[in-house]
Amino acid sequence: MLDVSDRIISRATDLTNLLMLKYITMLEDLKVYEAEVESSDMSPEDKEATLSMINLLKNIVIKEIYSLAAEGLFNTGSAQQDSVAL
């Protein structure tokens, strides 16, 4: 039977993996939004502003992904990490 510290570590790893999956999903969504903006009939100024915000959000999410990976809790053997296309 796992002792308390092993259960806490296991739960923290599970939560970190879930958070990582959410971040990956956000990146995928941002890529879709980026493509939609690029093909839209928005004014060039609005496109530039919107794409700038999307890139800012992508950079924030990427920093968070690397931060989680650096903490060592993320299960690097999972298929989730393989789906990250930065």
N, C-alpha and C. Protein backbone atom coordinates (compact mmCIF):
# COMPACT_ATOMS: atom_id res chain seq x y z
N MET A 1 0.84 -1.17 0.00
CA MET A 1 0.00 0.00 0.00
C MET A 1 0.89 1.24 0.00
N LEU A 2 0.50 2.22 -0.80
CA LEU A 2 1.27 3.45 -0.87
C LEU A 2 1.15 4.24 0.42
N ASP A 3 2.26 4.81 0.85
CA ASP A 3 2.14 5.68 2.01
C ASP A 3 1.62 7.05 1.58
N VAL A 4 1.38 7.93 2.53
CA VAL A 4 0.73 9.20 2.26
C VAL A 4 1.54 10.05 1.28
N SER A 5 2.85 10.11 1.45
CA SER A 5 3.67 10.95 0.57
C SER A 5 3.65 10.43 -0.86
N ASP A 6 3.63 9.12 -1.04
CA ASP A 6 3.54 8.56 -2.39
C ASP A 6 2.21 8.88 -3.04
N ARG A 7 1.13 8.86 -2.25
CA ARG A 7 -0.19 9.20 -2.78
C ARG A 7 -0.26 10.68 -3.15
N ILE A 8 0.36 11.53 -2.34
CA ILE A 8 0.37 12.96 -2.65
C ILE A 8 1.14 13.21 -3.93
N ILE A 9 2.29 12.59 -4.07
CA ILE A 9 3.10 12.75 -5.28
C ILE A 9 2.35 12.22 -6.49
N SER A 10 1.70 11.09 -6.34
CA SER A 10 0.92 10.52 -7.43
C SER A 10 -0.21 11.44 -7.84
N ARG A 11 -0.90 12.01 -6.87
CA ARG A 11 -2.01 12.94 -7.16
C ARG A 11 -1.49 14.22 -7.82
N ALA A 12 -0.36 14.72 -7.33
CA ALA A 12 0.23 15.93 -7.92
C ALA A 12 0.64 15.66 -9.37
N THR A 13 1.17 14.49 -9.64
CA THR A 13 1.54 14.13 -11.00
C THR A 13 0.30 14.04 -11.88
N ASP A 14 -0.76 13.43 -11.37
CA ASP A 14 -2.01 13.34 -12.13
C ASP A 14 -2.56 14.72 -12.46
N LEU A 15 -2.57 15.61 -11.47
CA LEU A 15 -3.08 16.96 -11.69
C LEU A 15 -2.20 17.74 -12.66
N THR A 16 -0.89 17.54 -12.57
CA THR A 16 0.03 18.21 -13.49
C THR A 16 -0.19 17.71 -14.91
N ASN A 17 -0.39 16.42 -15.07
CA ASN A 17 -0.67 15.87 -16.40
C ASN A 17 -1.97 16.42 -16.97
N LEU A 18 -2.97 16.57 -16.12
CA LEU A 18 -4.24 17.15 -16.55
C LEU A 18 -4.05 18.60 -16.98
N LEU A 19 -3.30 19.35 -16.19
CA LEU A 19 -3.02 20.74 -16.53
C LEU A 19 -2.25 20.82 -17.85
N MET A 20 -1.29 19.94 -18.04
CA MET A 20 -0.53 19.92 -19.28
C MET A 20 -1.45 19.64 -20.47
N LEU A 21 -2.38 18.72 -20.30
CA LEU A 21 -3.33 18.43 -21.37
C LEU A 21 -4.16 19.66 -21.70
N LYS A 22 -4.57 20.40 -20.67
CA LYS A 22 -5.33 21.63 -20.89
C LYS A 22 -4.50 22.65 -21.66
N TYR A 23 -3.23 22.79 -21.31
CA TYR A 23 -2.35 23.72 -22.02
C TYR A 23 -2.17 23.31 -23.49
N ILE A 24 -2.02 22.04 -23.73
CA ILE A 24 -1.87 21.56 -25.10
C ILE A 24 -3.13 21.84 -25.90
N THR A 25 -4.28 21.62 -25.27
CA THR A 25 -5.55 21.92 -25.93
C THR A 25 -5.66 23.40 -26.24
N MET A 26 -5.22 24.24 -25.30
CA MET A 26 -5.23 25.68 -25.55
C MET A 26 -4.36 26.05 -26.75
N LEU A 27 -3.19 25.46 -26.83
CA LEU A 27 -2.32 25.73 -27.98
C LEU A 27 -2.97 25.32 -29.30
N GLU A 28 -3.60 24.17 -29.29
CA GLU A 28 -4.29 23.72 -30.50
C GLU A 28 -5.41 24.68 -30.88
N ASP A 29 -6.17 25.13 -29.88
CA ASP A 29 -7.25 26.09 -30.14
C ASP A 29 -6.70 27.41 -30.67
N LEU A 30 -5.62 27.87 -30.09
CA LEU A 30 -5.02 29.13 -30.55
C LEU A 30 -4.53 29.03 -32.00
N LYS A 31 -4.02 27.87 -32.37
CA LYS A 31 -3.60 27.68 -33.77
C LYS A 31 -4.80 27.75 -34.71
N VAL A 32 -5.93 27.19 -34.30
CA VAL A 32 -7.15 27.24 -35.10
C VAL A 32 -7.62 28.69 -35.23
N TYR A 33 -7.63 29.41 -34.10
CA TYR A 33 -8.04 30.82 -34.14
C TYR A 33 -7.12 31.63 -35.03
N GLU A 34 -5.84 31.34 -34.97
CA GLU A 34 -4.86 32.05 -35.80
C GLU A 34 -5.17 31.85 -37.28
N ALA A 35 -5.46 30.62 -37.66
CA ALA A 35 -5.79 30.33 -39.06
C ALA A 35 -7.08 31.02 -39.47
N GLU A 36 -8.05 31.05 -38.58
CA GLU A 36 -9.32 31.71 -38.89
C GLU A 36 -9.13 33.21 -39.07
N VAL A 37 -8.31 33.82 -38.24
CA VAL A 37 -8.05 35.26 -38.35
C VAL A 37 -7.31 35.56 -39.65
N GLU A 38 -6.32 34.74 -39.97
CA GLU A 38 -5.53 34.97 -41.18
C GLU A 38 -6.39 34.88 -42.44
N SER A 39 -7.41 34.03 -42.42
CA SER A 39 -8.25 33.88 -43.60
C SER A 39 -9.52 34.73 -43.54
N SER A 40 -9.65 35.56 -42.51
CA SER A 40 -10.85 36.37 -42.37
C SER A 40 -10.77 37.64 -43.21
N ASP A 41 -11.89 38.35 -43.26
CA ASP A 41 -11.93 39.60 -44.00
C ASP A 41 -11.77 40.81 -43.07
N MET A 42 -11.10 40.61 -41.96
CA MET A 42 -10.83 41.70 -41.03
C MET A 42 -9.88 42.71 -41.68
N SER A 43 -9.91 43.92 -41.16
CA SER A 43 -8.97 44.92 -41.67
C SER A 43 -7.54 44.49 -41.29
N PRO A 44 -6.56 44.91 -42.07
CA PRO A 44 -5.18 44.54 -41.75
C PRO A 44 -4.76 44.93 -40.32
N GLU A 45 -5.23 46.07 -39.86
CA GLU A 45 -4.89 46.50 -38.50
C GLU A 45 -5.51 45.58 -37.45
N ASP A 46 -6.76 45.21 -37.66
CA ASP A 46 -7.43 44.30 -36.72
C ASP A 46 -6.79 42.92 -36.75
N LYS A 47 -6.44 42.46 -37.95
CA LYS A 47 -5.75 41.16 -38.06
C LYS A 47 -4.45 41.18 -37.29
N GLU A 48 -3.68 42.23 -37.50
CA GLU A 48 -2.38 42.34 -36.84
C GLU A 48 -2.54 42.36 -35.32
N ALA A 49 -3.50 43.13 -34.83
CA ALA A 49 -3.74 43.21 -33.39
C ALA A 49 -4.20 41.86 -32.83
N THR A 50 -5.09 41.21 -33.54
CA THR A 50 -5.62 39.92 -33.07
C THR A 50 -4.53 38.86 -33.10
N LEU A 51 -3.76 38.81 -34.18
CA LEU A 51 -2.68 37.83 -34.26
C LEU A 51 -1.61 38.10 -33.21
N SER A 52 -1.39 39.34 -32.89
CA SER A 52 -0.44 39.70 -31.84
C SER A 52 -0.90 39.17 -30.49
N MET A 53 -2.19 39.31 -30.20
CA MET A 53 -2.73 38.78 -28.94
C MET A 53 -2.65 37.26 -28.91
N ILE A 54 -2.96 36.63 -30.03
CA ILE A 54 -2.89 35.17 -30.09
C ILE A 54 -1.46 34.71 -29.83
N ASN A 55 -0.49 35.37 -30.46
CA ASN A 55 0.91 34.99 -30.24
C ASN A 55 1.35 35.22 -28.81
N LEU A 56 0.87 36.29 -28.20
CA LEU A 56 1.17 36.54 -26.79
C LEU A 56 0.63 35.41 -25.92
N LEU A 57 -0.60 35.01 -26.18
CA LEU A 57 -1.20 33.90 -25.42
C LEU A 57 -0.45 32.60 -25.65
N LYS A 58 -0.06 32.34 -26.90
CA LYS A 58 0.70 31.12 -27.19
C LYS A 58 2.02 31.11 -26.42
N ASN A 59 2.69 32.26 -26.37
CA ASN A 59 3.97 32.33 -25.65
C ASN A 59 3.78 32.10 -24.15
N ILE A 60 2.71 32.62 -23.59
CA ILE A 60 2.42 32.41 -22.17
C ILE A 60 2.17 30.93 -21.89
N VAL A 61 1.37 30.29 -22.74
CA VAL A 61 1.07 28.87 -22.56
C VAL A 61 2.32 28.02 -22.71
N ILE A 62 3.15 28.35 -23.68
CA ILE A 62 4.40 27.60 -23.88
C ILE A 62 5.31 27.74 -22.67
N LYS A 63 5.41 28.95 -22.10
CA LYS A 63 6.21 29.14 -20.89
C LYS A 63 5.70 28.27 -19.76
N GLU A 64 4.38 28.20 -19.62
CA GLU A 64 3.80 27.37 -18.57
C GLU A 64 4.09 25.89 -18.79
N ILE A 65 4.05 25.45 -20.03
CA ILE A 65 4.37 24.05 -20.34
C ILE A 65 5.81 23.74 -19.94
N TYR A 66 6.74 24.62 -20.32
CA TYR A 66 8.14 24.40 -19.96
C TYR A 66 8.35 24.48 -18.45
N SER A 67 7.60 25.34 -17.79
CA SER A 67 7.70 25.46 -16.34
C SER A 67 7.26 24.16 -15.67
N LEU A 68 6.14 23.61 -16.14
CA LEU A 68 5.68 22.33 -15.58
C LEU A 68 6.67 21.21 -15.84
N ALA A 69 7.22 21.20 -17.04
CA ALA A 69 8.19 20.16 -17.38
C ALA A 69 9.44 20.29 -16.51
N ALA A 70 9.85 21.51 -16.22
CA ALA A 70 11.04 21.73 -15.41
C ALA A 70 10.84 21.30 -13.96
N GLU A 71 9.60 21.34 -13.49
CA GLU A 71 9.32 20.92 -12.12
C GLU A 71 9.45 19.42 -11.95
N GLY A 72 9.43 18.69 -13.03
CA GLY A 72 9.66 17.26 -12.96
C GLY A 72 8.46 16.42 -12.59
N LEU A 73 7.30 17.03 -12.43
CA LEU A 73 6.11 16.25 -12.08
C LEU A 73 5.42 15.69 -13.31
N PHE A 74 5.65 16.33 -14.45
CA PHE A 74 4.97 15.90 -15.66
C PHE A 74 5.49 14.55 -16.11
N ASN A 75 4.59 13.65 -16.42
CA ASN A 75 4.94 12.31 -16.89
C ASN A 75 5.34 12.39 -18.35
N THR A 76 6.65 12.44 -18.62
CA THR A 76 7.14 12.65 -19.97
C THR A 76 6.92 11.45 -20.87
N GLY A 77 6.52 10.33 -20.33
CA GLY A 77 6.27 9.16 -21.14
C GLY A 77 4.88 9.12 -21.74
N SER A 78 4.08 10.13 -21.45
CA SER A 78 2.70 10.09 -21.92
C SER A 78 2.58 10.51 -23.37
N ALA A 79 1.50 10.11 -23.99
CA ALA A 79 1.24 10.47 -25.38
C ALA A 79 0.87 11.94 -25.51
N GLN A 80 0.46 12.56 -24.40
CA GLN A 80 0.08 13.97 -24.43
C GLN A 80 1.23 14.83 -24.92
N GLN A 81 2.41 14.61 -24.37
CA GLN A 81 3.55 15.44 -24.71
C GLN A 81 3.93 15.29 -26.17
N ASP A 82 3.74 14.12 -26.74
CA ASP A 82 4.09 13.89 -28.13
C ASP A 82 3.21 14.70 -29.07
N SER A 83 2.03 15.11 -28.60
CA SER A 83 1.13 15.83 -29.48
C SER A 83 1.40 17.33 -29.51
N VAL A 84 2.34 17.81 -28.71
CA VAL A 84 2.66 19.25 -28.69
C VAL A 84 3.41 19.60 -29.98
N ALA A 85 2.84 20.49 -30.74
CA ALA A 85 3.49 20.97 -31.96
C ALA A 85 3.74 22.45 -31.79
N LEU A 86 4.91 22.77 -31.32
CA LEU A 86 5.22 24.17 -31.08
C LEU A 86 5.74 24.74 -32.35
